[in-house]
Amino acid sequence: GTTVCEVHIRSDGKDAFGLLVQTHSEEETFRTVSDFCASLIDSQTDAENGVRGVSQEINRAIRNMSGLVRSQSKGADGKVTRIDPAADLVRSCNNNLQEFTAEVYRRIKVEQRTQTEVRFQENDHQAGLKRLRQLFSDVNNGKCPEISLPRRIDLIAPIELLGAKNYRIRVVDTKGVDGTAIRPDIRAYLDDPRSLTVLCTRYNSAPDSTMQALVENLVITGADHVLKERVTMLVLPRDGEALEMRDDSGLNADTAELGYRLKEDQIAAKLGQQKGGEQIPINFFDVQNDNPTQIARALAGRVEHMRALQSRRVEELGNSVTALLKANTEERTMAAQREVRRRISIFLRLRRRLPDRAQAVHAALISALQTTNARTIWASARRNGSWPGMDAYHFLGVGAAIDAQLRCQSAFSGLDELLLNMHEDEQLTAARDYIAELRRNIPSWKTSFLTDVTSSGREQFRSVLWLENELWNRCANRWGGGPGYRDDVAGWIRSWFEDAARTELHGIVERRVQAAWDNFVIEPIAALCQDERSEEP
């Protein structure tokens, strides 16, 4: 089944097995139990807005931890009766959320759940894996009475994660996307230059709308280079789905491999609608029928590709430094570089300030509030906007990056065109290595700028919005007030941002954007243009 939290898998010695758990705080465990209880009450009272609550995985874990497991019994007449002790408990509490929550939390006995790791040695590899698998199942399903609700599980096993490749790596299975993959935890892995992100999707729906939205989000926030370098898609067919694919003549694929190729064409066409999406490698793996060695080899190949890119960049940098040091002793080269710097200096004077804001920083958050599952929004509102399934502050950082990307794109495009023109200018031939190195730095300058803007937008708004308890309580308490929950919450949040009282806050965020432009783009380039003059007598 699906995991209840993020899971890390790594190897640590040839016979070492282990399971390490990072549990939720008591406060967050209580809130999650309260969410679970709210869902039970809603299901008993036919709530107008649907059922609040938690994922199926959390639901199952809490039921096991509290002893409220559903069961079935067959009567003498052969009819099956479903027994739900949690529903009975709701009725005994008169549908009172506070009373019901307190009773469920009491039954969990959090104070006794203090264990956070289990380690063991096992010479018999298969026996060790079997024991670890059962242990993980118990913890994931809330069946281990010594361990509380996990927020991360680390599995340690003596296995070769990418076949025979001698890499020290860990595999991270992020928590299910539950409608959106635009989350801070997923973006952190995407931004990590040492991480290969594998987008897993079912065969028939590939690429599903969640994955397409993630690709679009990377593009509009200026991170489309990640798609080419550190992302791959893994399509998971099952039950003969590949053989159901039809070719242009209407005939079914007669082999799974042909079905894969036909599906790959469909996926590539959809991904290609976004810049960089066409460069995402697509792999297929049928757990029941395909050889796992092949997919391990394909993923290892992507890791090798990432390593090769880094090696090539280091080599190019070394070659550039050597060439520049050698060329700097030649008057013709020095004169060409002076001309390059002069032209860039003119460009910088014209681009010192960014254009006016292109779109509201909170636009991405409002859009998410209007489309995300209502129960997810409710759970986030109960936590003042900070919840993994719907983190308001992450969307504010994303919104700041989208706006900054729109405002800086013409400058970066203009700089690249200027450098390209100078690279092809015969009068500047002696400075071509210098120009080429400047062009290679453009993605780095842009990434640093957008990363800082994202962080500033997220944290500046968090410092104020997090404290707006009245607003968040209003959003949470709107549940049960009839249709239109998402629209009302989105409207209240939008009004908060557009209120005149937030003018100073918007001004602070804008100053941070301009400061990032100066610190990570203008000043580094200007410093390069001043290097030679600073050495002159």
Protein backbone atom coordinates (compact mmCIF):
# COMPACT_ATOMS: atom_id res chain seq x y z
CA GLY A 1 0.00 0.00 0.00
CA THR A 2 0.92 3.69 -0.07
CA THR A 3 3.28 4.96 2.58
CA VAL A 4 2.05 7.10 5.45
CA CYS A 5 5.06 9.43 5.17
CA GLU A 6 8.32 10.03 3.33
CA VAL A 7 10.56 6.94 3.25
CA HIS A 8 14.35 6.88 2.79
CA ILE A 9 16.14 3.68 1.78
CA ARG A 10 19.91 3.27 2.12
CA SER A 11 22.59 0.66 2.64
CA ASP A 12 24.88 0.52 5.67
CA GLY A 13 27.11 -2.56 5.80
CA LYS A 14 26.76 -6.01 4.28
CA ASP A 15 24.58 -7.49 7.05
CA ALA A 16 23.09 -4.40 8.74
CA PHE A 17 19.33 -3.92 8.81
CA GLY A 18 17.40 -1.18 10.51
CA LEU A 19 14.38 1.07 10.68
CA LEU A 20 14.64 4.63 12.00
CA VAL A 21 11.58 6.79 12.61
CA GLN A 22 11.21 10.54 12.92
CA THR A 23 7.82 10.97 14.55
CA HIS A 24 5.43 13.89 14.55
CA SER A 25 5.44 16.17 17.58
CA GLU A 26 2.70 15.58 20.12
CA GLU A 27 1.02 18.80 18.97
CA GLU A 28 0.95 17.74 15.32
CA THR A 29 -0.16 14.22 16.26
CA PHE A 30 -3.06 15.73 18.20
CA ARG A 31 -4.00 17.95 15.25
CA THR A 32 -3.91 14.97 12.89
CA VAL A 33 -6.10 12.96 15.25
CA SER A 34 -8.49 15.91 15.33
CA ASP A 35 -8.56 15.95 11.52
CA PHE A 36 -9.32 12.22 11.53
CA CYS A 37 -12.12 12.72 14.05
CA ALA A 38 -13.60 15.58 12.02
CA SER A 39 -13.82 13.28 9.01
CA LEU A 40 -15.73 10.69 11.05
CA ILE A 41 -18.19 13.29 12.30
CA ASP A 42 -18.72 14.64 8.78
CA SER A 43 -19.43 11.15 7.47
CA GLN A 44 -22.06 10.69 10.18
CA THR A 45 -23.75 14.06 9.68
CA ASP A 46 -23.80 14.42 5.85
CA ALA A 47 -21.69 17.59 5.84
CA GLU A 48 -22.58 19.93 2.97
CA ASN A 49 -18.97 20.62 1.98
CA GLY A 50 -17.99 16.96 1.88
CA VAL A 51 -15.81 15.11 4.34
CA ARG A 52 -12.89 16.78 6.05
CA GLY A 53 -10.05 14.68 7.30
CA VAL A 54 -6.94 12.78 6.41
CA SER A 55 -5.54 10.48 3.75
CA GLN A 56 -6.46 6.80 3.69
CA GLU A 57 -2.97 5.97 4.97
CA ILE A 58 -3.28 8.27 8.00
CA ASN A 59 -6.82 7.01 8.59
CA ARG A 60 -5.60 3.42 8.71
CA ALA A 61 -2.66 4.24 10.99
CA ILE A 62 -4.77 6.14 13.53
CA ARG A 63 -7.40 3.41 13.60
CA ASN A 64 -4.75 0.80 14.37
CA MET A 65 -3.01 3.00 16.95
CA SER A 66 -6.29 3.70 18.76
CA GLY A 67 -7.83 0.24 18.46
CA LEU A 68 -10.68 1.48 16.25
CA VAL A 69 -10.15 -0.98 13.40
CA ARG A 70 -13.12 -1.75 11.17
CA SER A 71 -14.18 -5.36 10.74
CA GLN A 72 -16.81 -7.47 9.00
CA SER A 73 -18.95 -10.35 10.15
CA LYS A 74 -21.28 -12.67 8.29
CA GLY A 75 -24.64 -13.46 9.82
CA ALA A 76 -26.62 -16.69 9.63
CA ASP A 77 -28.44 -15.33 6.60
CA GLY A 78 -25.13 -14.87 4.80
CA LYS A 79 -25.28 -11.10 4.86
CA VAL A 80 -22.06 -9.22 5.65
CA THR A 81 -22.24 -6.63 8.42
CA ARG A 82 -19.60 -3.92 8.59
CA ILE A 83 -18.57 -2.96 12.12
CA ASP A 84 -16.95 0.42 12.75
CA PRO A 85 -16.09 1.05 16.41
CA ALA A 86 -15.05 4.63 15.56
CA ALA A 87 -18.56 5.40 14.31
CA ASP A 88 -19.98 3.95 17.50
CA LEU A 89 -17.61 6.14 19.52
CA VAL A 90 -18.74 9.23 17.58
CA ARG A 91 -22.33 8.53 18.56
CA SER A 92 -21.40 7.93 22.20
CA CYS A 93 -19.73 11.37 22.17
CA ASN A 94 -22.88 12.94 20.70
CA ASN A 95 -20.94 14.04 17.60
CA ASN A 96 -18.90 16.43 19.76
CA LEU A 97 -15.55 16.92 18.00
CA GLN A 98 -13.62 17.94 21.12
CA GLU A 99 -14.84 15.00 23.20
CA PHE A 100 -14.32 12.52 20.37
CA THR A 101 -10.81 13.82 19.64
CA ALA A 102 -9.79 13.65 23.29
CA GLU A 103 -10.98 10.05 23.59
CA VAL A 104 -9.21 8.86 20.42
CA TYR A 105 -5.99 10.62 21.41
CA ARG A 106 -6.18 9.09 24.88
CA ARG A 107 -6.48 5.60 23.36
CA ILE A 108 -3.37 6.12 21.24
CA LYS A 109 -1.26 6.52 24.40
CA VAL A 110 1.34 8.79 22.82
CA GLU A 111 3.29 8.98 26.08
CA GLN A 112 4.14 5.26 25.74
CA ARG A 113 5.26 5.52 22.11
CA THR A 114 8.88 6.54 22.67
CA GLN A 115 10.85 4.12 20.47
CA THR A 116 12.36 5.62 17.32
CA GLU A 117 14.64 2.91 15.90
CA VAL A 118 15.10 -0.80 15.47
CA ARG A 119 18.44 -2.28 14.31
CA PHE A 120 19.51 -5.87 13.82
CA GLN A 121 22.16 -8.00 12.12
CA GLU A 122 21.20 -10.89 9.85
CA ASN A 123 23.52 -13.12 7.84
CA ASP A 124 20.61 -14.60 5.92
CA HIS A 125 19.88 -11.82 3.43
CA GLN A 126 16.35 -12.95 2.53
CA ALA A 127 15.38 -13.53 6.16
CA GLY A 128 16.62 -10.06 7.04
CA LEU A 129 14.63 -8.45 4.23
CA LYS A 130 11.50 -10.36 5.24
CA ARG A 131 11.82 -9.20 8.84
CA LEU A 132 12.46 -5.60 7.76
CA ARG A 133 9.49 -5.68 5.40
CA GLN A 134 7.16 -6.80 8.18
CA LEU A 135 8.58 -4.24 10.58
CA PHE A 136 8.05 -1.46 8.05
CA SER A 137 4.48 -2.63 7.40
CA ASP A 138 3.69 -2.52 11.11
CA VAL A 139 5.11 0.99 11.57
CA ASN A 140 3.54 2.31 8.37
CA ASN A 141 0.13 0.97 9.39
CA GLY A 142 0.30 2.09 13.02
CA LYS A 143 0.56 -1.46 14.39
CA CYS A 144 3.73 -0.97 16.41
CA PRO A 145 2.65 0.05 19.95
CA GLU A 146 6.07 1.49 20.85
CA ILE A 147 6.29 3.92 17.89
CA SER A 148 4.20 7.07 17.37
CA LEU A 149 2.85 8.51 14.12
CA PRO A 150 5.81 8.76 11.71
CA ARG A 151 6.66 11.77 9.57
CA ARG A 152 9.71 10.06 8.05
CA ILE A 153 10.96 6.46 8.00
CA ASP A 154 14.52 5.41 7.14
CA LEU A 155 15.03 1.81 6.02
CA ILE A 156 18.54 0.35 6.18
CA ALA A 157 19.25 -2.82 4.19
CA PRO A 158 22.34 -4.39 2.55
CA ILE A 159 21.04 -4.06 -1.01
CA GLU A 160 22.48 -2.61 -4.21
CA LEU A 161 20.08 0.23 -4.93
CA LEU A 162 21.22 0.72 -8.52
CA GLY A 163 22.45 -2.72 -9.33
CA ALA A 164 26.20 -3.23 -9.27
CA LYS A 165 27.02 0.48 -9.53
CA ASN A 166 29.30 1.52 -6.69
CA TYR A 167 27.41 4.65 -5.68
CA ARG A 168 26.65 5.75 -2.13
CA ILE A 169 23.06 6.83 -2.65
CA ARG A 170 19.73 6.79 -0.92
CA VAL A 171 16.31 6.34 -2.49
CA VAL A 172 13.60 8.70 -1.21
CA ASP A 173 9.93 7.83 -1.64
CA THR A 174 8.08 11.10 -1.06
CA LYS A 175 4.61 11.05 0.41
CA GLY A 176 1.85 10.68 -2.20
CA VAL A 177 1.04 13.88 -4.08
CA ASP A 178 -2.70 13.78 -3.19
CA GLY A 179 -3.71 16.18 -5.97
CA THR A 180 -0.64 18.46 -6.11
CA ALA A 181 3.08 17.99 -6.45
CA ILE A 182 3.79 21.70 -5.95
CA ARG A 183 5.10 21.22 -2.44
CA PRO A 184 8.19 22.48 -0.62
CA ASP A 185 9.57 18.99 0.03
CA ILE A 186 9.36 17.97 -3.63
CA ARG A 187 10.76 21.29 -4.85
CA ALA A 188 13.71 20.95 -2.45
CA TYR A 189 14.69 17.68 -4.13
CA LEU A 190 14.20 19.16 -7.59
CA ASP A 191 16.49 22.07 -6.70
CA ASP A 192 19.18 19.79 -5.25
CA PRO A 193 21.90 19.35 -7.91
CA ARG A 194 22.77 15.95 -6.38
CA SER A 195 19.24 14.53 -6.63
CA LEU A 196 17.68 12.67 -9.52
CA THR A 197 13.90 13.12 -9.40
CA VAL A 198 11.85 10.19 -10.73
CA LEU A 199 8.26 11.15 -11.56
CA CYS A 200 6.19 7.98 -11.11
CA THR A 201 2.83 7.76 -12.83
CA ARG A 202 0.27 5.14 -13.78
CA TYR A 203 0.31 3.90 -17.34
CA ASN A 204 -3.17 4.83 -18.54
CA SER A 205 -3.13 8.38 -17.11
CA ALA A 206 0.51 9.21 -17.93
CA PRO A 207 1.42 11.99 -17.81
CA ASP A 208 -1.33 12.82 -15.35
CA SER A 209 -2.43 16.39 -14.64
CA THR A 210 -0.39 16.52 -11.41
CA MET A 211 2.85 15.78 -13.25
CA GLN A 212 2.03 18.23 -16.03
CA ALA A 213 1.34 20.95 -13.45
CA LEU A 214 4.70 20.24 -11.81
CA VAL A 215 6.52 20.55 -15.14
CA GLU A 216 4.69 23.82 -15.87
CA ASN A 217 5.58 25.14 -12.40
CA LEU A 218 9.28 24.46 -12.99
CA VAL A 219 9.13 26.29 -16.31
CA ILE A 220 7.33 29.40 -15.09
CA THR A 221 9.65 29.71 -12.08
CA GLY A 222 12.74 29.63 -14.31
CA ALA A 223 13.88 26.11 -13.42
CA ASP A 224 13.25 24.40 -16.76
CA HIS A 225 16.94 23.36 -16.94
CA VAL A 226 16.19 20.87 -14.15
CA LEU A 227 13.92 18.91 -16.51
CA LYS A 228 16.78 18.20 -18.89
CA GLU A 229 19.43 17.48 -16.30
CA ARG A 230 17.88 15.84 -13.24
CA VAL A 231 14.37 14.53 -13.98
CA THR A 232 13.11 11.29 -15.47
CA MET A 233 9.62 9.81 -15.75
CA LEU A 234 8.82 6.24 -14.70
CA VAL A 235 5.55 4.86 -16.08
CA LEU A 236 4.11 1.90 -14.18
CA PRO A 237 1.89 -0.36 -16.33
CA ARG A 238 -0.06 -3.25 -14.83
CA ASP A 239 -2.56 -5.96 -15.76
CA GLY A 240 -1.71 -6.00 -19.46
CA GLU A 241 -2.36 -2.30 -19.95
CA ALA A 242 0.50 -2.01 -22.48
CA LEU A 243 -1.20 -4.55 -24.76
CA GLU A 244 -4.32 -2.38 -24.90
CA MET A 245 -2.48 0.40 -26.76
CA ARG A 246 -3.53 0.82 -30.41
CA ASP A 247 -1.37 1.93 -33.30
CA ASP A 248 -2.48 4.29 -36.08
CA SER A 249 -4.22 1.45 -37.91
CA GLY A 250 -6.29 0.64 -34.83
CA LEU A 251 -4.54 -2.63 -34.02
CA ASN A 252 -3.60 -3.53 -30.46
CA ALA A 253 0.07 -3.79 -29.58
CA ASP A 254 1.13 -7.44 -29.83
CA THR A 255 3.98 -7.01 -27.33
CA ALA A 256 4.44 -4.98 -24.16
CA GLU A 257 7.49 -3.33 -25.69
CA LEU A 258 5.45 -2.05 -28.63
CA GLY A 259 2.80 -0.82 -26.20
CA TYR A 260 5.51 1.06 -24.32
CA ARG A 261 6.74 2.77 -27.48
CA LEU A 262 3.23 3.82 -28.53
CA LYS A 263 2.55 5.21 -25.06
CA GLU A 264 5.92 6.96 -25.03
CA ASP A 265 4.94 8.89 -28.15
CA GLN A 266 1.73 10.07 -26.46
CA ILE A 267 3.53 11.10 -23.28
CA ALA A 268 6.30 12.92 -25.16
CA ALA A 269 3.72 14.89 -27.14
CA LYS A 270 2.01 16.10 -23.96
CA LEU A 271 5.23 16.88 -22.13
CA GLY A 272 6.54 18.71 -25.19
CA GLN A 273 3.85 21.34 -24.77
CA GLN A 274 6.03 22.83 -22.01
CA LYS A 275 9.52 24.20 -22.62
CA GLY A 276 12.03 21.53 -21.62
CA GLY A 277 9.36 18.86 -21.16
CA GLU A 278 10.35 17.14 -24.39
CA GLN A 279 13.78 16.41 -22.90
CA ILE A 280 12.49 14.32 -19.97
CA PRO A 281 13.54 10.67 -20.45
CA ILE A 282 10.62 8.23 -20.24
CA ASN A 283 11.02 4.71 -18.81
CA PHE A 284 8.54 1.89 -18.24
CA PHE A 285 8.48 -0.80 -15.58
CA ASP A 286 5.88 -3.50 -15.00
CA VAL A 287 6.57 -4.77 -11.49
CA GLN A 288 5.00 -8.16 -12.22
CA ASN A 289 6.64 -8.92 -15.56
CA ASP A 290 9.66 -6.71 -16.33
CA ASN A 291 13.26 -7.36 -15.33
CA PRO A 292 14.19 -4.92 -12.53
CA THR A 293 17.81 -4.97 -13.70
CA GLN A 294 16.82 -2.96 -16.78
CA ILE A 295 15.18 -0.12 -14.88
CA ALA A 296 18.05 -0.09 -12.37
CA ARG A 297 20.44 0.24 -15.30
CA ALA A 298 18.36 3.07 -16.81
CA LEU A 299 18.31 5.03 -13.53
CA ALA A 300 22.02 4.43 -13.02
CA GLY A 301 22.52 5.83 -16.50
CA ARG A 302 20.75 9.03 -15.48
CA VAL A 303 22.97 9.33 -12.41
CA GLU A 304 26.02 8.86 -14.64
CA HIS A 305 24.63 11.56 -16.94
CA MET A 306 24.36 13.97 -14.00
CA ARG A 307 27.92 13.15 -12.91
CA ALA A 308 29.18 13.62 -16.46
CA LEU A 309 27.54 17.05 -16.68
CA GLN A 310 29.26 18.16 -13.49
CA SER A 311 32.60 16.74 -14.63
CA ARG A 312 32.30 18.53 -17.97
CA ARG A 313 31.52 21.82 -16.25
CA VAL A 314 34.53 21.48 -13.99
CA GLU A 315 36.70 20.63 -16.99
CA GLU A 316 35.35 23.58 -18.99
CA LEU A 317 35.97 25.90 -16.08
CA GLY A 318 39.53 24.64 -15.73
CA ASN A 319 40.19 25.03 -19.44
CA SER A 320 38.71 28.53 -19.41
CA VAL A 321 40.86 29.62 -16.48
CA THR A 322 43.98 28.24 -18.17
CA ALA A 323 43.12 29.92 -21.46
CA LEU A 324 42.33 33.24 -19.79
CA LEU A 325 45.52 33.24 -17.74
CA LYS A 326 47.53 32.57 -20.86
CA ALA A 327 45.66 35.09 -22.99
CA ASN A 328 45.87 37.88 -20.39
CA THR A 329 49.52 38.29 -21.23
CA GLU A 330 48.68 39.23 -24.84
CA GLU A 331 47.84 42.86 -25.61
CA ARG A 332 45.43 41.92 -28.41
CA THR A 333 43.41 39.73 -26.05
CA MET A 334 43.42 42.33 -23.30
CA ALA A 335 42.15 44.97 -25.73
CA ALA A 336 39.33 42.66 -26.91
CA GLN A 337 38.33 41.93 -23.33
CA ARG A 338 38.25 45.64 -22.55
CA GLU A 339 35.83 46.13 -25.43
CA VAL A 340 33.64 43.27 -24.19
CA ARG A 341 33.55 44.80 -20.72
CA ARG A 342 32.71 48.22 -22.13
CA ARG A 343 29.70 46.88 -24.00
CA ILE A 344 28.50 44.87 -21.02
CA SER A 345 28.83 47.94 -18.78
CA ILE A 346 26.49 49.85 -21.09
CA PHE A 347 24.03 46.95 -20.93
CA LEU A 348 24.17 46.92 -17.11
CA ARG A 349 23.41 50.63 -16.88
CA LEU A 350 20.24 50.08 -18.86
CA ARG A 351 19.20 47.01 -16.83
CA ARG A 352 20.14 48.07 -13.31
CA ARG A 353 16.52 48.12 -12.18
CA LEU A 354 13.94 45.44 -12.88
CA PRO A 355 10.68 46.39 -14.65
CA ASP A 356 7.59 46.90 -12.50
CA ARG A 357 5.90 43.88 -10.96
CA ALA A 358 4.34 41.72 -13.69
CA GLN A 359 1.77 39.93 -11.53
CA ALA A 360 0.65 39.78 -7.92
CA VAL A 361 2.92 37.66 -5.75
CA HIS A 362 -0.13 36.05 -4.12
CA ALA A 363 -1.69 35.07 -7.48
CA ALA A 364 -0.26 31.53 -7.33
CA LEU A 365 -1.66 31.02 -3.84
CA ILE A 366 -5.13 32.25 -4.81
CA SER A 367 -5.15 29.94 -7.83
CA ALA A 368 -4.16 26.98 -5.63
CA LEU A 369 -6.90 27.79 -3.11
CA GLN A 370 -9.49 27.79 -5.89
CA THR A 371 -8.47 24.38 -7.25
CA THR A 372 -7.07 22.31 -4.36
CA ASN A 373 -9.24 19.79 -2.56
CA ALA A 374 -11.36 21.63 0.02
CA ARG A 375 -10.42 19.33 2.90
CA THR A 376 -6.74 19.98 2.18
CA ILE A 377 -7.34 23.73 2.38
CA TRP A 378 -9.22 23.26 5.65
CA ALA A 379 -6.35 21.21 7.13
CA SER A 380 -3.88 23.92 6.08
CA ALA A 381 -6.03 26.69 7.56
CA ARG A 382 -6.09 24.86 10.90
CA ARG A 383 -2.29 25.11 10.86
CA ASN A 384 -2.15 28.78 9.87
CA GLY A 385 -1.32 27.92 6.28
CA SER A 386 1.67 25.68 6.95
CA TRP A 387 0.86 22.06 6.08
CA PRO A 388 2.73 19.70 3.72
CA GLY A 389 -0.31 19.00 1.57
CA MET A 390 -1.00 22.70 1.02
CA ASP A 391 1.71 25.10 2.19
CA ALA A 392 0.52 28.67 1.63
CA TYR A 393 4.00 30.08 2.14
CA HIS A 394 5.52 27.81 -0.48
CA PHE A 395 3.01 29.15 -3.00
CA LEU A 396 3.93 32.70 -2.01
CA GLY A 397 7.58 31.90 -2.69
CA VAL A 398 6.56 30.35 -6.01
CA GLY A 399 4.49 33.45 -6.81
CA ALA A 400 7.46 35.70 -6.12
CA ALA A 401 9.63 33.56 -8.41
CA ILE A 402 7.03 33.58 -11.21
CA ASP A 403 6.83 37.37 -11.08
CA ALA A 404 10.64 37.72 -10.97
CA GLN A 405 11.04 35.30 -13.88
CA LEU A 406 8.66 37.36 -16.00
CA ARG A 407 10.50 40.57 -15.12
CA CYS A 408 14.05 39.34 -15.66
CA GLN A 409 13.62 37.14 -18.71
CA SER A 410 14.12 39.94 -21.25
CA ALA A 411 17.32 41.04 -19.46
CA PHE A 412 18.84 37.57 -19.48
CA SER A 413 17.78 36.98 -23.08
CA GLY A 414 19.26 40.34 -24.05
CA LEU A 415 22.52 39.58 -22.23
CA ASP A 416 22.81 36.20 -23.92
CA GLU A 417 22.16 37.75 -27.34
CA LEU A 418 24.73 40.49 -26.67
CA LEU A 419 27.36 37.92 -25.70
CA LEU A 420 26.52 35.72 -28.68
CA ASN A 421 26.88 38.67 -31.04
CA MET A 422 30.24 39.57 -29.52
CA HIS A 423 31.33 35.94 -29.73
CA GLU A 424 30.74 36.03 -33.49
CA ASP A 425 32.34 39.48 -33.93
CA GLU A 426 35.62 38.96 -35.83
CA GLN A 427 37.16 42.00 -34.14
CA LEU A 428 36.70 40.26 -30.77
CA THR A 429 38.00 36.84 -31.76
CA ALA A 430 40.78 37.05 -29.17
CA ALA A 431 38.17 37.28 -26.38
CA ARG A 432 36.00 34.34 -27.42
CA ASP A 433 37.04 32.11 -24.50
CA TYR A 434 36.25 34.96 -22.13
CA ILE A 435 32.86 35.55 -23.76
CA ALA A 436 32.02 31.84 -23.74
CA GLU A 437 32.74 31.66 -20.01
CA LEU A 438 30.46 34.64 -19.39
CA ARG A 439 27.65 32.92 -21.30
CA ARG A 440 28.11 29.75 -19.26
CA ASN A 441 27.55 31.81 -16.11
CA ILE A 442 24.13 33.14 -17.13
CA PRO A 443 22.12 30.12 -15.84
CA SER A 444 23.99 30.27 -12.53
CA TRP A 445 23.27 33.99 -12.06
CA LYS A 446 19.63 33.47 -12.92
CA THR A 447 19.21 30.47 -10.61
CA SER A 448 20.82 32.28 -7.69
CA PHE A 449 18.58 35.29 -8.23
CA LEU A 450 15.34 33.30 -8.46
CA THR A 451 16.28 31.09 -5.50
CA ASP A 452 16.83 34.13 -3.29
CA VAL A 453 13.58 35.73 -4.47
CA THR A 454 11.68 32.53 -3.68
CA SER A 455 13.10 32.38 -0.18
CA SER A 456 12.48 36.08 0.51
CA GLY A 457 8.90 36.01 -0.74
CA ARG A 458 8.13 32.91 1.29
CA GLU A 459 9.63 34.09 4.59
CA GLN A 460 8.65 37.78 4.44
CA PHE A 461 5.00 36.87 4.03
CA ARG A 462 5.22 34.04 6.55
CA SER A 463 6.50 36.44 9.23
CA VAL A 464 3.20 38.35 9.05
CA LEU A 465 0.56 35.98 7.68
CA TRP A 466 1.41 33.18 10.13
CA LEU A 467 0.34 35.44 13.01
CA GLU A 468 -3.08 36.24 11.52
CA ASN A 469 -4.96 33.81 13.78
CA GLU A 470 -8.30 35.52 13.25
CA LEU A 471 -8.03 35.13 9.46
CA TRP A 472 -6.98 31.49 9.63
CA ASN A 473 -9.68 30.65 12.18
CA ARG A 474 -12.25 32.26 9.93
CA CYS A 475 -11.07 30.12 7.02
CA ALA A 476 -11.14 26.91 9.08
CA ASN A 477 -14.50 27.66 10.71
CA ARG A 478 -16.13 28.38 7.35
CA TRP A 479 -16.33 24.59 6.88
CA GLY A 480 -19.91 23.40 7.15
CA GLY A 481 -21.34 26.74 6.07
CA GLY A 482 -22.69 25.51 2.75
CA PRO A 483 -21.29 25.46 -0.81
CA GLY A 484 -18.47 27.75 -1.90
CA TYR A 485 -15.89 26.95 0.78
CA ARG A 486 -12.86 27.29 -1.52
CA ASP A 487 -14.09 30.48 -3.17
CA ASP A 488 -14.79 32.13 0.18
CA VAL A 489 -11.38 31.22 1.59
CA ALA A 490 -9.64 32.39 -1.60
CA GLY A 491 -11.60 35.66 -1.44
CA TRP A 492 -10.67 36.33 2.19
CA ILE A 493 -7.00 35.59 1.55
CA ARG A 494 -6.99 37.81 -1.54
CA SER A 495 -8.61 40.66 0.39
CA TRP A 496 -5.97 40.33 3.09
CA PHE A 497 -3.18 40.74 0.54
CA GLU A 498 -4.87 43.61 -1.28
CA ASP A 499 -5.76 45.55 1.87
CA ALA A 500 -3.96 48.90 2.18
CA ALA A 501 -2.53 47.68 5.50
CA ARG A 502 -0.29 45.33 3.50
CA THR A 503 1.30 48.09 1.38
CA GLU A 504 4.42 48.20 3.52
CA LEU A 505 4.76 44.40 3.43
CA HIS A 506 4.54 44.36 -0.38
CA GLY A 507 7.14 47.14 -0.43
CA ILE A 508 9.51 45.08 1.72
CA VAL A 509 9.15 42.08 -0.59
CA GLU A 510 9.78 44.28 -3.63
CA ARG A 511 12.92 45.73 -2.04
CA ARG A 512 14.17 42.20 -1.38
CA VAL A 513 13.58 41.30 -5.05
CA GLN A 514 15.56 44.32 -6.24
CA ALA A 515 18.30 43.57 -3.71
CA ALA A 516 18.56 40.03 -5.04
CA TRP A 517 18.83 41.38 -8.58
CA ASP A 518 21.68 43.63 -7.48
CA ASN A 519 23.47 41.00 -5.37
CA PHE A 520 23.22 37.99 -7.65
CA VAL A 521 23.16 39.52 -11.14
CA ILE A 522 24.22 43.16 -11.48
CA GLU A 523 27.11 43.22 -8.98
CA PRO A 524 28.78 39.94 -10.06
CA ILE A 525 28.70 41.01 -13.71
CA ALA A 526 29.83 44.54 -12.84
CA ALA A 527 32.72 43.12 -10.83
CA LEU A 528 33.87 41.21 -13.90
CA CYS A 529 33.76 44.39 -15.92
CA GLN A 530 35.86 46.25 -13.36
CA ASP A 531 38.54 43.62 -12.76
CA GLU A 532 40.98 44.84 -15.35
CA ARG A 533 40.57 48.55 -14.61
CA SER A 534 41.21 47.92 -10.91
CA GLU A 535 44.61 46.50 -11.83
CA GLU A 536 45.64 49.52 -13.88
CA PRO A 537 47.99 52.09 -12.24
